[in-house]
Amino acid sequence: MQHSIDPLRYKAIIFDLGGVLLNIDYQKSKAAFETLGIKDFDAHFSQLSQSHLFDRFETGKISSASFRKELRKESEINCSDKELDHAWNAMLLDFPMQRLQLLEKLSKQLPLYLFSNTNEIHITQFKNKLNEWKIRDRFEAAFTNIYYSFEFSHRKPDPTSFETLLNENNLAASEILFIDDSPQHIEGANKTGLQTLLLPSTLDITSIFINND
């Protein structure tokens, strides 16, 4: 598959966050939750699927407090909020500077959008990390609009989520590139007519764009 993309072919680009821009490792959260006593974490959450509880949390239908309470009840574990949050956030890793530099370069050429399936606990931690790295303002300024599913009330791969994003920004699907690392999200985007790229785990996002300097 060819991975040399000319960004100027498109009117805008929609980026996923985790696994595309932010490095993540699901296994770290799985291991942390197993330490707390959850032995079937994959049945609750993975890259490819998740339980109804996680769906509700990532579409803002329940609060962080309710999520913690229900997860403890479902999993029959006894842990503090801090311990649960630490395990849930364990998957969030680093954000390489060259990816921020790519976003800043691309944002001067065309509008960029961020669309992430995520939740209040993760985004609080992510923003804290951006502040620690002293790049939060630069990161957020690179995007015309940022869509976090728990605030947006829509999550991928539901085609309605993409249609709503496109309509809110007066974008034509056929002119927009969507980049994600999860095949089910790419499938949902394809149903709306978006141009798509499934980013392989072996490729860094910084390596796929043609240099237009």
C-alpha atoms as a PDB file:
ATOM      1  CA  MET A   1       0.000   0.000   0.000  1.00  0.00           C
ATOM      2  CA  GLN A   2       1.287   3.453  -0.897  1.00  0.00           C
ATOM      3  CA  HIS A   3       1.881   5.783   2.036  1.00  0.00           C
ATOM      4  CA  SER A   4       3.084   8.972   0.348  1.00  0.00           C
ATOM      5  CA  ILE A   5       0.306  11.487   0.830  1.00  0.00           C
ATOM      6  CA  ASP A   6       0.161  14.961  -0.640  1.00  0.00           C
ATOM      7  CA  PRO A   7      -1.874  16.953   1.918  1.00  0.00           C
ATOM      8  CA  LEU A   8      -2.697  19.560  -0.710  1.00  0.00           C
ATOM      9  CA  ARG A   9      -4.959  17.018  -2.439  1.00  0.00           C
ATOM     10  CA  TYR A  10      -7.470  17.539   0.372  1.00  0.00           C
ATOM     11  CA  LYS A  11      -9.528  20.397   1.754  1.00  0.00           C
ATOM     12  CA  ALA A  12      -8.949  19.242   5.356  1.00  0.00           C
ATOM     13  CA  ILE A  13      -7.560  16.362   7.412  1.00  0.00           C
ATOM     14  CA  ILE A  14      -9.219  14.678  10.404  1.00  0.00           C
ATOM     15  CA  PHE A  15      -6.778  13.017  12.805  1.00  0.00           C
ATOM     16  CA  ASP A  16      -7.358  10.366  15.435  1.00  0.00           C
ATOM     17  CA  LEU A  17      -5.454  10.965  18.688  1.00  0.00           C
ATOM     18  CA  GLY A  18      -4.385   7.749  20.431  1.00  0.00           C
ATOM     19  CA  GLY A  19      -2.186   5.535  18.274  1.00  0.00           C
ATOM     20  CA  VAL A  20      -1.792   8.221  15.607  1.00  0.00           C
ATOM     21  CA  LEU A  21      -0.546  11.321  17.438  1.00  0.00           C
ATOM     22  CA  LEU A  22      -0.273  10.175  21.051  1.00  0.00           C
ATOM     23  CA  ASN A  23       1.545   6.914  21.729  1.00  0.00           C
ATOM     24  CA  ILE A  24      -0.623   4.481  23.680  1.00  0.00           C
ATOM     25  CA  ASP A  25      -0.285   0.921  24.967  1.00  0.00           C
ATOM     26  CA  TYR A  26      -3.525  -0.875  25.865  1.00  0.00           C
ATOM     27  CA  GLN A  27      -1.526  -3.650  27.532  1.00  0.00           C
ATOM     28  CA  LYS A  28      -0.279  -1.274  30.227  1.00  0.00           C
ATOM     29  CA  SER A  29      -3.834  -0.524  31.355  1.00  0.00           C
ATOM     30  CA  LYS A  30      -4.737  -4.192  31.086  1.00  0.00           C
ATOM     31  CA  ALA A  31      -1.823  -5.128  33.347  1.00  0.00           C
ATOM     32  CA  ALA A  32      -2.638  -2.340  35.809  1.00  0.00           C
ATOM     33  CA  PHE A  33      -6.288  -3.395  36.040  1.00  0.00           C
ATOM     34  CA  GLU A  34      -5.274  -7.028  36.484  1.00  0.00           C
ATOM     35  CA  THR A  35      -3.188  -5.910  39.462  1.00  0.00           C
ATOM     36  CA  LEU A  36      -6.361  -4.357  40.892  1.00  0.00           C
ATOM     37  CA  GLY A  37      -8.217  -7.631  40.400  1.00  0.00           C
ATOM     38  CA  ILE A  38      -9.867  -7.295  36.961  1.00  0.00           C
ATOM     39  CA  LYS A  39      -8.846 -10.474  35.159  1.00  0.00           C
ATOM     40  CA  ASP A  40     -10.976 -10.035  32.023  1.00  0.00           C
ATOM     41  CA  PHE A  41     -10.130  -6.451  31.056  1.00  0.00           C
ATOM     42  CA  ASP A  42     -10.206  -7.295  27.319  1.00  0.00           C
ATOM     43  CA  ALA A  43     -13.894  -8.122  27.720  1.00  0.00           C
ATOM     44  CA  HIS A  44     -14.427  -4.558  28.934  1.00  0.00           C
ATOM     45  CA  PHE A  45     -12.102  -2.626  26.645  1.00  0.00           C
ATOM     46  CA  SER A  46      -9.729  -3.154  23.717  1.00  0.00           C
ATOM     47  CA  GLN A  47      -8.721  -1.342  20.539  1.00  0.00           C
ATOM     48  CA  LEU A  48     -11.382  -3.188  18.554  1.00  0.00           C
ATOM     49  CA  SER A  49     -14.329  -3.285  20.954  1.00  0.00           C
ATOM     50  CA  GLN A  50     -15.588  -2.300  24.383  1.00  0.00           C
ATOM     51  CA  SER A  51     -18.473  -2.873  26.764  1.00  0.00           C
ATOM     52  CA  HIS A  52     -21.633  -0.796  27.051  1.00  0.00           C
ATOM     53  CA  LEU A  53     -20.233   0.844  30.186  1.00  0.00           C
ATOM     54  CA  PHE A  54     -17.229   2.196  28.297  1.00  0.00           C
ATOM     55  CA  ASP A  55     -19.435   3.258  25.382  1.00  0.00           C
ATOM     56  CA  ARG A  56     -21.618   5.271  27.735  1.00  0.00           C
ATOM     57  CA  PHE A  57     -18.590   6.840  29.387  1.00  0.00           C
ATOM     58  CA  GLU A  58     -17.028   7.806  26.056  1.00  0.00           C
ATOM     59  CA  THR A  59     -20.217   9.462  24.827  1.00  0.00           C
ATOM     60  CA  GLY A  60     -20.713  11.497  27.985  1.00  0.00           C
ATOM     61  CA  LYS A  61     -23.812   9.613  29.109  1.00  0.00           C
ATOM     62  CA  ILE A  62     -22.319   8.949  32.549  1.00  0.00           C
ATOM     63  CA  SER A  63     -19.925  10.922  34.723  1.00  0.00           C
ATOM     64  CA  SER A  64     -16.440   9.856  35.789  1.00  0.00           C
ATOM     65  CA  ALA A  65     -17.825   9.151  39.277  1.00  0.00           C
ATOM     66  CA  SER A  66     -20.558   6.893  37.878  1.00  0.00           C
ATOM     67  CA  PHE A  67     -18.076   5.136  35.602  1.00  0.00           C
ATOM     68  CA  ARG A  68     -15.778   4.340  38.524  1.00  0.00           C
ATOM     69  CA  LYS A  69     -18.685   3.127  40.650  1.00  0.00           C
ATOM     70  CA  GLU A  70     -20.127   0.886  37.915  1.00  0.00           C
ATOM     71  CA  LEU A  71     -16.744  -0.536  36.925  1.00  0.00           C
ATOM     72  CA  ARG A  72     -16.002  -1.444  40.537  1.00  0.00           C
ATOM     73  CA  LYS A  73     -19.424  -3.091  40.814  1.00  0.00           C
ATOM     74  CA  GLU A  74     -19.189  -4.988  37.508  1.00  0.00           C
ATOM     75  CA  SER A  75     -15.648  -6.177  38.233  1.00  0.00           C
ATOM     76  CA  GLU A  76     -16.181  -6.811  41.943  1.00  0.00           C
ATOM     77  CA  ILE A  77     -13.039  -4.911  42.892  1.00  0.00           C
ATOM     78  CA  ASN A  78     -12.373  -2.588  45.803  1.00  0.00           C
ATOM     79  CA  CYS A  79     -10.002   0.226  44.899  1.00  0.00           C
ATOM     80  CA  SER A  80      -9.761   3.973  45.322  1.00  0.00           C
ATOM     81  CA  ASP A  81     -10.603   6.503  42.621  1.00  0.00           C
ATOM     82  CA  LYS A  82      -6.907   7.334  42.401  1.00  0.00           C
ATOM     83  CA  GLU A  83      -5.939   3.686  41.864  1.00  0.00           C
ATOM     84  CA  LEU A  84      -8.625   3.217  39.218  1.00  0.00           C
ATOM     85  CA  ASP A  85      -7.649   6.402  37.365  1.00  0.00           C
ATOM     86  CA  HIS A  86      -3.972   5.433  37.504  1.00  0.00           C
ATOM     87  CA  ALA A  87      -4.734   2.047  35.917  1.00  0.00           C
ATOM     88  CA  TRP A  88      -7.019   3.563  33.267  1.00  0.00           C
ATOM     89  CA  ASN A  89      -4.427   6.228  32.383  1.00  0.00           C
ATOM     90  CA  ALA A  90      -1.524   3.776  32.245  1.00  0.00           C
ATOM     91  CA  MET A  91      -2.041   3.342  28.495  1.00  0.00           C
ATOM     92  CA  LEU A  92      -1.302   7.021  27.785  1.00  0.00           C
ATOM     93  CA  LEU A  93       2.352   7.409  26.841  1.00  0.00           C
ATOM     94  CA  ASP A  94       4.344  10.138  25.072  1.00  0.00           C
ATOM     95  CA  PHE A  95       3.667  12.647  22.323  1.00  0.00           C
ATOM     96  CA  PRO A  96       6.784  12.959  20.127  1.00  0.00           C
ATOM     97  CA  MET A  97       7.707  16.554  19.327  1.00  0.00           C
ATOM     98  CA  GLN A  98       8.085  15.828  15.617  1.00  0.00           C
ATOM     99  CA  ARG A  99       4.360  15.057  15.457  1.00  0.00           C
ATOM    100  CA  LEU A 100       3.520  18.445  16.921  1.00  0.00           C
ATOM    101  CA  GLN A 101       5.844  20.032  14.375  1.00  0.00           C
ATOM    102  CA  LEU A 102       4.041  18.133  11.598  1.00  0.00           C
ATOM    103  CA  LEU A 103       0.662  19.396  12.821  1.00  0.00           C
ATOM    104  CA  GLU A 104       1.921  22.968  12.949  1.00  0.00           C
ATOM    105  CA  LYS A 105       3.278  22.702   9.409  1.00  0.00           C
ATOM    106  CA  LEU A 106       0.107  21.114   8.016  1.00  0.00           C
ATOM    107  CA  SER A 107      -2.133  23.624   9.789  1.00  0.00           C
ATOM    108  CA  LYS A 108      -0.552  26.378   7.696  1.00  0.00           C
ATOM    109  CA  GLN A 109      -1.616  24.533   4.534  1.00  0.00           C
ATOM    110  CA  LEU A 110      -5.165  23.364   5.331  1.00  0.00           C
ATOM    111  CA  PRO A 111      -7.637  23.009   8.230  1.00  0.00           C
ATOM    112  CA  LEU A 112      -6.976  20.176  10.673  1.00  0.00           C
ATOM    113  CA  TYR A 113      -9.516  18.486  12.928  1.00  0.00           C
ATOM    114  CA  LEU A 114      -9.068  16.075  15.832  1.00  0.00           C
ATOM    115  CA  PHE A 115     -11.651  13.352  16.483  1.00  0.00           C
ATOM    116  CA  SER A 116     -10.957  11.006  19.380  1.00  0.00           C
ATOM    117  CA  ASN A 117     -13.003   8.359  21.127  1.00  0.00           C
ATOM    118  CA  THR A 118     -12.111   9.278  24.679  1.00  0.00           C
ATOM    119  CA  ASN A 119     -13.390  10.194  28.108  1.00  0.00           C
ATOM    120  CA  GLU A 120     -13.055  12.742  30.874  1.00  0.00           C
ATOM    121  CA  ILE A 121     -10.437  10.793  32.860  1.00  0.00           C
ATOM    122  CA  HIS A 122      -8.156  10.316  29.865  1.00  0.00           C
ATOM    123  CA  ILE A 123      -8.492  13.863  28.573  1.00  0.00           C
ATOM    124  CA  THR A 124      -7.814  15.341  31.998  1.00  0.00           C
ATOM    125  CA  GLN A 125      -4.604  13.318  32.129  1.00  0.00           C
ATOM    126  CA  PHE A 126      -3.715  14.153  28.509  1.00  0.00           C
ATOM    127  CA  LYS A 127      -4.143  17.879  29.094  1.00  0.00           C
ATOM    128  CA  ASN A 128      -2.050  17.615  32.251  1.00  0.00           C
ATOM    129  CA  LYS A 129       0.689  15.953  30.219  1.00  0.00           C
ATOM    130  CA  LEU A 130       0.497  18.652  27.528  1.00  0.00           C
ATOM    131  CA  ASN A 131       0.857  21.268  30.244  1.00  0.00           C
ATOM    132  CA  GLU A 132       3.842  19.432  31.738  1.00  0.00           C
ATOM    133  CA  TRP A 133       5.470  19.312  28.314  1.00  0.00           C
ATOM    134  CA  LYS A 134       4.580  23.003  27.845  1.00  0.00           C
ATOM    135  CA  ILE A 135       2.941  22.384  24.467  1.00  0.00           C
ATOM    136  CA  ARG A 136      -0.793  22.486  25.193  1.00  0.00           C
ATOM    137  CA  ASP A 137      -1.378  25.865  23.521  1.00  0.00           C
ATOM    138  CA  ARG A 138       0.602  24.830  20.442  1.00  0.00           C
ATOM    139  CA  PHE A 139      -1.208  21.498  20.176  1.00  0.00           C
ATOM    140  CA  GLU A 140      -4.702  22.958  20.477  1.00  0.00           C
ATOM    141  CA  ALA A 141      -3.894  25.874  18.147  1.00  0.00           C
ATOM    142  CA  ALA A 142      -3.011  23.445  15.346  1.00  0.00           C
ATOM    143  CA  PHE A 143      -6.653  22.343  15.015  1.00  0.00           C
ATOM    144  CA  THR A 144      -9.605  24.239  13.628  1.00  0.00           C
ATOM    145  CA  ASN A 145     -11.854  22.138  15.891  1.00  0.00           C
ATOM    146  CA  ILE A 146     -11.250  19.371  18.416  1.00  0.00           C
ATOM    147  CA  TYR A 147     -13.848  16.645  18.967  1.00  0.00           C
ATOM    148  CA  TYR A 148     -13.578  14.464  22.066  1.00  0.00           C
ATOM    149  CA  SER A 149     -16.362  11.885  21.991  1.00  0.00           C
ATOM    150  CA  PHE A 150     -17.455  12.381  25.600  1.00  0.00           C
ATOM    151  CA  GLU A 151     -18.088  16.064  24.853  1.00  0.00           C
ATOM    152  CA  PHE A 152     -19.315  15.498  21.285  1.00  0.00           C
ATOM    153  CA  SER A 153     -21.835  12.780  22.351  1.00  0.00           C
ATOM    154  CA  HIS A 154     -20.822  10.753  19.288  1.00  0.00           C
ATOM    155  CA  ARG A 155     -18.111   8.164  18.889  1.00  0.00           C
ATOM    156  CA  LYS A 156     -16.486   6.310  16.035  1.00  0.00           C
ATOM    157  CA  PRO A 157     -17.253   4.146  14.071  1.00  0.00           C
ATOM    158  CA  ASP A 158     -20.878   5.354  13.985  1.00  0.00           C
ATOM    159  CA  PRO A 159     -21.285   7.023  10.555  1.00  0.00           C
ATOM    160  CA  THR A 160     -23.481   9.638  12.224  1.00  0.00           C
ATOM    161  CA  SER A 161     -20.452  10.852  14.170  1.00  0.00           C
ATOM    162  CA  PHE A 162     -18.577  11.629  10.970  1.00  0.00           C
ATOM    163  CA  GLU A 163     -21.626  13.126   9.288  1.00  0.00           C
ATOM    164  CA  THR A 164     -22.214  15.451  12.247  1.00  0.00           C
ATOM    165  CA  LEU A 165     -18.582  16.600  12.275  1.00  0.00           C
ATOM    166  CA  LEU A 166     -18.655  17.249   8.524  1.00  0.00           C
ATOM    167  CA  ASN A 167     -21.951  19.126   8.661  1.00  0.00           C
ATOM    168  CA  GLU A 168     -20.862  21.317  11.576  1.00  0.00           C
ATOM    169  CA  ASN A 169     -17.813  22.431   9.597  1.00  0.00           C
ATOM    170  CA  ASN A 170     -19.396  22.588   6.118  1.00  0.00           C
ATOM    171  CA  LEU A 171     -17.044  19.918   4.805  1.00  0.00           C
ATOM    172  CA  ALA A 172     -17.643  17.631   1.823  1.00  0.00           C
ATOM    173  CA  ALA A 173     -16.699  14.048   2.729  1.00  0.00           C
ATOM    174  CA  SER A 174     -15.045  13.277  -0.614  1.00  0.00           C
ATOM    175  CA  GLU A 175     -12.588  16.153  -0.119  1.00  0.00           C
ATOM    176  CA  ILE A 176     -11.489  15.206   3.398  1.00  0.00           C
ATOM    177  CA  LEU A 177      -8.829  12.744   4.595  1.00  0.00           C
ATOM    178  CA  PHE A 178      -9.441  10.796   7.815  1.00  0.00           C
ATOM    179  CA  ILE A 179      -6.488   9.052   9.498  1.00  0.00           C
ATOM    180  CA  ASP A 180      -6.982   6.426  12.224  1.00  0.00           C
ATOM    181  CA  ASP A 181      -5.244   3.294  13.501  1.00  0.00           C
ATOM    182  CA  SER A 182      -8.418   1.225  14.125  1.00  0.00           C
ATOM    183  CA  PRO A 183      -9.952  -0.647  11.170  1.00  0.00           C
ATOM    184  CA  GLN A 184     -13.525  -0.391  12.448  1.00  0.00           C
ATOM    185  CA  HIS A 185     -13.229   3.406  12.534  1.00  0.00           C
ATOM    186  CA  ILE A 186     -11.922   3.472   8.985  1.00  0.00           C
ATOM    187  CA  GLU A 187     -14.871   1.307   7.928  1.00  0.00           C
ATOM    188  CA  GLY A 188     -17.327   3.742   9.518  1.00  0.00           C
ATOM    189  CA  ALA A 189     -15.632   6.696   7.840  1.00  0.00           C
ATOM    190  CA  ASN A 190     -15.718   4.960   4.467  1.00  0.00           C
ATOM    191  CA  LYS A 191     -19.496   4.623   4.775  1.00  0.00           C
ATOM    192  CA  THR A 192     -19.771   8.410   4.837  1.00  0.00           C
ATOM    193  CA  GLY A 193     -17.591   8.853   1.746  1.00  0.00           C
ATOM    194  CA  LEU A 194     -14.489  10.152   3.525  1.00  0.00           C
ATOM    195  CA  GLN A 195     -11.055   9.530   2.062  1.00  0.00           C
ATOM    196  CA  THR A 196      -9.276   7.333   4.614  1.00  0.00           C
ATOM    197  CA  LEU A 197      -5.918   6.022   5.717  1.00  0.00           C
ATOM    198  CA  LEU A 198      -5.516   3.173   8.200  1.00  0.00           C
ATOM    199  CA  LEU A 199      -2.173   3.962   9.818  1.00  0.00           C
ATOM    200  CA  PRO A 200      -0.155   0.758  10.331  1.00  0.00           C
ATOM    201  CA  SER A 201       1.535   0.318  13.691  1.00  0.00           C
ATOM    202  CA  THR A 202       4.840   0.072  11.821  1.00  0.00           C
ATOM    203  CA  LEU A 203       4.559   3.618  10.446  1.00  0.00           C
ATOM    204  CA  ASP A 204       4.900   6.955  12.196  1.00  0.00           C
ATOM    205  CA  ILE A 205       2.452   9.632  11.080  1.00  0.00           C
ATOM    206  CA  THR A 206       5.391  11.917  10.280  1.00  0.00           C
ATOM    207  CA  SER A 207       6.630   9.566   7.557  1.00  0.00           C
ATOM    208  CA  ILE A 208       3.549   9.494   5.319  1.00  0.00           C
ATOM    209  CA  PHE A 209       3.320  13.063   4.034  1.00  0.00           C
ATOM    210  CA  ILE A 210       5.066  14.425   0.964  1.00  0.00           C
ATOM    211  CA  ASN A 211       7.217  17.450   1.796  1.00  0.00           C
ATOM    212  CA  ASN A 212       5.677  20.486   0.100  1.00  0.00           C
ATOM    213  CA  ASP A 213       8.214  23.055   1.266  1.00  0.00           C
END
